[in-house]
Amino acid sequence: MIGFRNTLVHDYIDIDRRIVYDVLQNNIDDIKKLRIIFADFL
C-alpha cells in the first residue's frame, strides 16, 4: 500500500484511474490497516 501511495503522489499524471478504483474497491482492508498504523504513529 505504501508503494501505491508513492505512485499516486509522484506519478499521478500517468495513473490509470481504473486501477485506483479497483484498489479502493478491493483492498479497503489494507487502507484501513494503514490508517491504524498512521494513527498510532501520530
Protein backbone atom coordinates (compact mmCIF):
# COMPACT_ATOMS: atom_id res chain seq x y z
CA MET A 1 0.00 0.00 0.00
CA ILE A 2 2.90 2.38 0.69
CA GLY A 3 4.18 1.80 -2.84
CA PHE A 4 0.72 2.52 -4.20
CA ARG A 5 0.64 5.79 -2.26
CA ASN A 6 4.03 6.77 -3.65
CA THR A 7 2.82 6.10 -7.18
CA LEU A 8 -0.27 8.23 -6.60
CA VAL A 9 1.75 11.12 -5.20
CA HIS A 10 4.72 11.09 -7.55
CA ASP A 11 3.38 9.66 -10.81
CA TYR A 12 -0.17 10.98 -10.71
CA ILE A 13 -0.13 12.09 -14.35
CA ASP A 14 0.32 8.51 -15.56
CA ILE A 15 -2.18 6.94 -13.15
CA ASP A 16 -4.83 4.67 -14.64
CA ARG A 17 -7.99 5.66 -12.78
CA ARG A 18 -9.42 2.18 -13.26
CA ILE A 19 -6.54 0.75 -11.23
CA VAL A 20 -7.08 3.32 -8.48
CA TYR A 21 -10.77 2.49 -8.41
CA ASP A 22 -10.03 -1.24 -8.29
CA VAL A 23 -7.58 -0.83 -5.41
CA LEU A 24 -10.06 1.28 -3.45
CA GLN A 25 -12.87 -1.20 -4.04
CA ASN A 26 -10.95 -4.42 -3.45
CA ASN A 27 -8.21 -3.51 -0.99
CA ILE A 28 -10.08 -1.38 1.50
CA ASP A 29 -8.88 -3.56 4.39
CA ASP A 30 -5.28 -2.67 3.53
CA ILE A 31 -6.19 1.02 3.61
CA LYS A 32 -7.90 0.62 6.98
CA LYS A 33 -4.84 -1.17 8.41
CA LEU A 34 -2.59 1.58 7.11
CA ARG A 35 -4.83 4.19 8.71
CA ILE A 36 -4.43 2.47 12.09
CA ILE A 37 -0.66 2.36 11.70
CA PHE A 38 -0.52 6.07 10.85
CA ALA A 39 -2.87 6.95 13.72
CA ASP A 40 -0.67 5.05 16.18
CA PHE A 41 2.39 6.85 14.85
CA LEU A 42 0.82 10.27 15.35
